[in-house]
Amino acid sequence: MNINCKGKLINLSTPKVMGILNVTPDSFFDGGKYKDETAILNQVETMLNHGATFIDIGGYSSRPNADAISEEEELNRVIPIIKLILKHFSDTLISIDTFRSEVAKQSIEAGAALVNDISAGKLDENMLSTVGKLGVPYIMMHMKGNPKTMQQHTTYTDVTKEVIAYFAERIAAAHQEKINDIIIDPGFGFAKTVDQNFELLNQLELLQLTDKPILAGVSRKSMIYKTLNSTSENALNGTTALHMVALQKGAKILRAHDVKEAMECVTLYNQLKSN
C-alpha cells in the first residue's frame, strides 16, 4: 500500500499522521491562529518533530456555512505558505486542501506533493484531469452539496452504503483520468448528522471494499464536542478516543490538529497489533 509523493514511496501499511495547517481566518478550530511567518514555521516544525508525514494546507474554510472566497484570494493564502515551508523544511510532503483545479495545479508547481479535495472533483470539472496530468496522489472526500449547503443534505437510506457507492463512481472517474494513487476520506461532518458520523465510523472497515487507503478526519469535530456537550477546544481527549477506533477499523491516515497525540495513538495501535 504505497503512494508516490515526489518520487518518495510512502508505505501506508503502517498508519501515518497528516498535520493540519489552516491559513484561513475562519476555520472552526484554529482560524486566524497562524497569521505570520514565525507562527506558521513554528507550528510546522512542531508537527514535523512530533512525527507528521504530511502537512495539509488549506486556504478555504470548509466548515459548515463557511463564506466563499475567490480563487485569487485562496491562491494568495496558500502559495506563499507552501514556498515558505519548503524553503525552511525542504523535505516536507505538503498536501493542498482545495477543490479548485487551478489552486491544485499552482500548489503542486510550487512544491506541494498531494491534492486533498473535499468534493472528489464534483465542484470543479477540471480537477480530475488536472490531477491526472500532475501525476500526484489524490485524496477524495465524500460530501453532498458544498460547504455552504452541505448540512441541508443529510438524508440517507444507509449512509455507509451510499458513501461506498459514491466512492466506487468517483474512483472509476479518477482512474479514467489516469490518477493512480487514490486515498478516500469518508467526510466526517460533511453533509452528515452526528448520528450518521458515528454510524459511518462504526462501519468504517466496510470502506476497505474500495481497496483504497482510508483517511479519517475526526479531529476536534462537532461529532465529538456535541456528543460530549463541550467545545472544539476541549475535544482532544475525545479525538484521541475516536482516532484509536478509526485505526482499528482500517484508517491508514489520521488528519489531525494535534500530531503528537495522534502519533501516540498510532504507536499504541502498532504495539497492540504486533502482539
Protein backbone atom coordinates (compact mmCIF):
# COMPACT_ATOMS: atom_id res chain seq x y z
CA MET A 1 0.00 0.00 0.00
CA ASN A 2 2.46 2.62 -1.23
CA ILE A 3 1.77 6.09 -2.58
CA ASN A 4 4.32 8.03 -4.60
CA CYS A 5 4.96 11.55 -3.27
CA LYS A 6 7.55 13.43 -5.33
CA GLY A 7 9.39 10.21 -6.10
CA LYS A 8 9.34 9.08 -2.47
CA LEU A 9 7.32 5.95 -1.73
CA ILE A 10 5.23 6.28 1.41
CA ASN A 11 4.17 2.93 2.82
CA LEU A 12 0.67 3.22 4.28
CA SER A 13 0.58 -0.31 5.68
CA THR A 14 1.77 1.48 8.84
CA PRO A 15 -0.68 4.32 9.61
CA LYS A 16 0.55 7.89 9.14
CA VAL A 17 -0.47 11.27 10.53
CA MET A 18 -1.32 14.34 8.46
CA GLY A 19 -0.94 17.59 10.42
CA ILE A 20 -3.48 20.33 9.69
CA LEU A 21 -2.31 23.88 8.96
CA ASN A 22 -5.26 26.17 8.32
CA VAL A 23 -4.26 29.52 6.85
CA THR A 24 -7.87 30.72 6.90
CA PRO A 25 -9.19 33.40 9.23
CA ASP A 26 -12.38 31.42 9.87
CA SER A 27 -11.61 27.73 10.33
CA PHE A 28 -13.66 26.10 13.07
CA PHE A 29 -10.78 25.32 15.44
CA ASP A 30 -7.59 27.25 14.63
CA GLY A 31 -8.91 30.02 12.37
CA GLY A 32 -6.63 33.03 12.26
CA LYS A 33 -4.05 31.43 14.55
CA TYR A 34 -1.24 31.17 12.01
CA LYS A 35 -1.01 34.67 10.57
CA ASP A 36 2.69 35.42 10.44
CA GLU A 37 5.66 33.51 9.10
CA THR A 38 7.13 32.73 12.52
CA ALA A 39 3.86 31.26 13.84
CA ILE A 40 3.48 29.16 10.67
CA LEU A 41 7.05 27.84 10.71
CA ASN A 42 6.91 27.09 14.45
CA GLN A 43 3.70 25.12 14.01
CA VAL A 44 5.05 23.18 11.01
CA GLU A 45 8.30 22.42 12.84
CA THR A 46 6.36 21.20 15.86
CA MET A 47 4.16 18.93 13.72
CA LEU A 48 7.16 17.51 11.83
CA ASN A 49 9.07 16.92 15.08
CA HIS A 50 6.03 15.15 16.50
CA GLY A 51 6.04 12.74 13.56
CA ALA A 52 3.70 14.12 10.88
CA THR A 53 4.31 12.50 7.47
CA PHE A 54 2.19 15.11 5.68
CA ILE A 55 1.26 18.75 6.31
CA ASP A 56 -2.18 19.66 4.96
CA ILE A 57 -2.55 23.31 3.99
CA GLY A 58 -5.98 24.81 3.43
CA GLY A 59 -6.80 28.35 2.42
CA TYR A 60 -10.56 27.93 2.10
CA SER A 61 -12.55 27.14 5.21
CA SER A 62 -14.87 24.19 4.63
CA ARG A 63 -16.66 24.38 7.97
CA PRO A 64 -20.48 24.43 7.72
CA ASN A 65 -21.79 27.76 6.37
CA ALA A 66 -18.28 28.97 5.58
CA ASP A 67 -18.08 32.03 3.36
CA ALA A 68 -16.95 31.52 -0.22
CA ILE A 69 -13.69 33.19 -1.25
CA SER A 70 -12.30 33.89 -4.70
CA GLU A 71 -9.75 31.66 -6.38
CA GLU A 72 -7.31 34.56 -6.32
CA GLU A 73 -7.70 35.01 -2.56
CA GLU A 74 -7.21 31.26 -2.00
CA LEU A 75 -4.03 31.29 -4.11
CA ASN A 76 -2.75 34.36 -2.25
CA ARG A 77 -3.20 32.49 1.02
CA VAL A 78 -1.62 29.15 0.13
CA ILE A 79 1.13 29.62 -2.48
CA PRO A 80 3.41 31.86 -0.33
CA ILE A 81 2.96 29.45 2.60
CA ILE A 82 3.92 26.39 0.51
CA LYS A 83 7.05 28.20 -0.66
CA LEU A 84 7.86 29.41 2.86
CA ILE A 85 7.59 25.92 4.35
CA LEU A 86 9.67 24.29 1.63
CA LYS A 87 12.33 26.97 1.94
CA HIS A 88 12.83 26.07 5.60
CA PHE A 89 11.83 22.37 5.61
CA SER A 90 12.60 21.23 2.07
CA ASP A 91 11.59 17.57 2.53
CA THR A 92 8.09 18.35 3.78
CA LEU A 93 5.30 16.49 1.98
CA ILE A 94 2.62 19.15 1.61
CA SER A 95 -0.96 18.28 0.84
CA ILE A 96 -3.02 21.11 -0.68
CA ASP A 97 -6.59 21.12 0.62
CA THR A 98 -8.61 22.60 -2.25
CA PHE A 99 -11.49 21.77 -4.58
CA ARG A 100 -10.23 24.12 -7.32
CA SER A 101 -8.09 22.66 -10.10
CA GLU A 102 -6.12 25.87 -10.65
CA VAL A 103 -5.22 26.09 -6.96
CA ALA A 104 -4.21 22.41 -7.04
CA LYS A 105 -2.07 22.97 -10.17
CA GLN A 106 -0.27 26.06 -8.89
CA SER A 107 0.27 24.47 -5.47
CA ILE A 108 1.85 21.34 -6.95
CA GLU A 109 4.01 23.55 -9.20
CA ALA A 110 5.07 25.46 -6.05
CA GLY A 111 6.20 22.17 -4.49
CA ALA A 112 3.18 20.52 -2.84
CA ALA A 113 3.06 16.72 -3.12
CA LEU A 114 -0.63 15.71 -2.88
CA VAL A 115 -4.08 17.12 -3.60
CA ASN A 116 -6.78 16.83 -0.94
CA ASP A 117 -10.21 17.60 -2.44
CA ILE A 118 -13.32 17.72 -0.22
CA SER A 119 -15.51 17.45 -3.33
CA ALA A 120 -13.82 14.48 -5.08
CA GLY A 121 -13.82 16.50 -8.29
CA LYS A 122 -17.50 17.43 -8.14
CA LEU A 123 -17.06 21.17 -7.58
CA ASP A 124 -14.59 21.65 -10.46
CA GLU A 125 -15.00 19.62 -13.64
CA ASN A 126 -11.29 20.06 -14.45
CA MET A 127 -10.00 18.70 -11.14
CA LEU A 128 -9.62 15.01 -12.04
CA SER A 129 -7.96 15.64 -15.39
CA THR A 130 -5.64 18.21 -13.75
CA VAL A 131 -4.57 15.79 -11.01
CA GLY A 132 -4.13 13.05 -13.61
CA LYS A 133 -1.78 15.29 -15.62
CA LEU A 134 0.11 16.34 -12.48
CA GLY A 135 0.66 12.68 -11.58
CA VAL A 136 0.24 13.20 -7.82
CA PRO A 137 -1.70 11.29 -5.14
CA TYR A 138 -5.30 12.39 -4.73
CA ILE A 139 -7.38 12.38 -1.56
CA MET A 140 -11.09 12.36 -2.40
CA MET A 141 -13.71 13.04 0.22
CA HIS A 142 -17.42 12.27 0.42
CA MET A 143 -19.68 15.30 0.65
CA LYS A 144 -23.03 16.37 -0.75
CA GLY A 145 -23.60 19.96 -1.86
CA ASN A 146 -20.88 22.43 -0.87
CA PRO A 147 -19.66 23.79 2.50
CA LYS A 148 -22.41 26.42 2.49
CA THR A 149 -25.24 23.94 1.78
CA MET A 150 -23.97 20.54 2.94
CA GLN A 151 -25.87 20.45 6.23
CA GLN A 152 -29.14 20.54 4.25
CA HIS A 153 -28.13 17.26 2.58
CA THR A 154 -28.22 14.72 5.39
CA THR A 155 -30.87 12.31 4.10
CA TYR A 156 -29.60 8.75 3.56
CA THR A 157 -31.26 5.34 3.50
CA ASP A 158 -27.95 3.76 4.56
CA VAL A 159 -25.12 6.26 4.97
CA THR A 160 -22.25 3.75 4.73
CA LYS A 161 -23.68 2.04 1.64
CA GLU A 162 -24.18 5.39 -0.08
CA VAL A 163 -20.65 6.54 0.77
CA ILE A 164 -19.20 3.31 -0.68
CA ALA A 165 -21.30 3.68 -3.86
CA TYR A 166 -20.15 7.30 -4.19
CA PHE A 167 -16.50 6.24 -3.94
CA ALA A 168 -16.97 3.42 -6.47
CA GLU A 169 -18.17 6.02 -9.00
CA ARG A 170 -15.55 8.67 -8.13
CA ILE A 171 -12.66 6.16 -8.13
CA ALA A 172 -13.73 4.92 -11.59
CA ALA A 173 -13.81 8.55 -12.82
CA ALA A 174 -10.36 9.20 -11.31
CA HIS A 175 -8.91 6.05 -12.87
CA GLN A 176 -10.18 7.22 -16.26
CA GLU A 177 -8.05 10.33 -15.82
CA LYS A 178 -5.01 8.15 -15.01
CA ILE A 179 -4.91 9.00 -11.30
CA ASN A 180 -3.03 6.10 -9.75
CA ASP A 181 -2.67 6.89 -6.06
CA ILE A 182 -6.10 7.47 -4.53
CA ILE A 183 -6.94 7.87 -0.84
CA ILE A 184 -10.56 8.04 0.33
CA ASP A 185 -11.92 10.20 3.14
CA PRO A 186 -15.48 9.42 4.31
CA GLY A 187 -16.00 13.08 5.18
CA PHE A 188 -16.98 13.06 8.84
CA GLY A 189 -19.08 16.15 9.50
CA PHE A 190 -19.73 16.87 5.82
CA ALA A 191 -23.43 16.50 4.95
CA LYS A 192 -23.89 14.14 7.90
CA THR A 193 -25.60 14.36 11.27
CA VAL A 194 -23.80 13.41 14.49
CA ASP A 195 -25.57 10.02 14.47
CA GLN A 196 -24.64 9.41 10.83
CA ASN A 197 -20.99 10.23 11.60
CA PHE A 198 -20.94 7.60 14.34
CA GLU A 199 -22.73 5.07 12.16
CA LEU A 200 -20.10 5.61 9.47
CA LEU A 201 -17.21 5.35 11.93
CA ASN A 202 -18.73 2.20 13.39
CA GLN A 203 -18.78 0.62 9.91
CA LEU A 204 -15.55 2.18 8.62
CA GLU A 205 -13.97 -1.20 7.87
CA LEU A 206 -16.57 -1.69 5.09
CA LEU A 207 -14.89 1.13 3.15
CA GLN A 208 -11.95 -1.22 2.66
CA LEU A 209 -14.13 -2.75 -0.08
CA THR A 210 -12.89 0.11 -2.29
CA ASP A 211 -9.35 -1.27 -1.99
CA LYS A 212 -8.04 2.25 -1.31
CA PRO A 213 -6.31 3.61 1.82
CA ILE A 214 -8.74 5.37 4.18
CA LEU A 215 -8.09 8.80 5.68
CA ALA A 216 -10.03 9.64 8.85
CA GLY A 217 -10.65 13.29 9.68
CA VAL A 218 -12.42 13.44 13.02
CA SER A 219 -10.05 15.83 14.81
CA ARG A 220 -11.92 18.15 17.19
CA LYS A 221 -15.10 17.94 15.07
CA SER A 222 -18.63 18.59 16.27
CA MET A 223 -19.46 14.85 16.31
CA ILE A 224 -17.11 14.78 19.32
CA TYR A 225 -17.82 18.01 21.16
CA LYS A 226 -21.59 17.97 20.60
CA THR A 227 -21.77 14.41 21.96
CA LEU A 228 -19.69 15.46 24.98
CA ASN A 229 -21.56 18.75 25.38
CA SER A 230 -18.22 20.53 25.11
CA THR A 231 -16.26 22.69 22.63
CA SER A 232 -13.67 22.10 19.90
CA GLU A 233 -11.03 23.50 22.31
CA ASN A 234 -11.85 20.73 24.78
CA ALA A 235 -12.22 17.91 22.25
CA LEU A 236 -8.68 16.49 22.24
CA ASN A 237 -9.41 13.58 24.55
CA GLY A 238 -12.49 12.67 22.51
CA THR A 239 -10.47 12.98 19.31
CA THR A 240 -7.88 10.54 20.65
CA ALA A 241 -10.58 8.05 21.61
CA LEU A 242 -12.06 8.10 18.10
CA HIS A 243 -8.62 8.01 16.45
CA MET A 244 -7.99 4.62 18.03
CA VAL A 245 -11.37 3.36 16.79
CA ALA A 246 -10.59 4.62 13.27
CA LEU A 247 -7.19 2.86 13.27
CA GLN A 248 -8.74 -0.40 14.47
CA LYS A 249 -11.29 -0.16 11.66
CA GLY A 250 -8.66 0.29 8.97
CA ALA A 251 -7.78 4.00 8.71
CA LYS A 252 -4.29 4.50 7.28
CA ILE A 253 -4.02 8.27 7.70
CA LEU A 254 -5.23 10.35 10.64
CA ARG A 255 -5.73 14.01 9.68
CA ALA A 256 -5.19 15.82 12.95
CA HIS A 257 -4.68 19.19 14.59
CA ASP A 258 -2.69 17.55 17.41
CA VAL A 259 0.05 15.49 15.80
CA LYS A 260 1.81 14.34 18.98
CA GLU A 261 -1.33 12.76 20.42
CA ALA A 262 -2.33 11.23 17.07
CA MET A 263 1.16 9.70 16.74
CA GLU A 264 0.88 8.28 20.27
CA CYS A 265 -2.33 6.61 19.13
CA VAL A 266 -0.55 5.12 16.11
CA THR A 267 2.34 3.86 18.28
CA LEU A 268 -0.03 2.18 20.75
CA TYR A 269 -2.09 0.74 17.90
CA ASN A 270 1.06 -0.70 16.25
CA GLN A 271 2.11 -2.23 19.57
CA LEU A 272 -1.34 -3.72 20.04
CA LYS A 273 -1.27 -5.19 16.54
CA SER A 274 2.21 -6.67 16.83
CA ASN A 275 1.34 -8.79 19.90
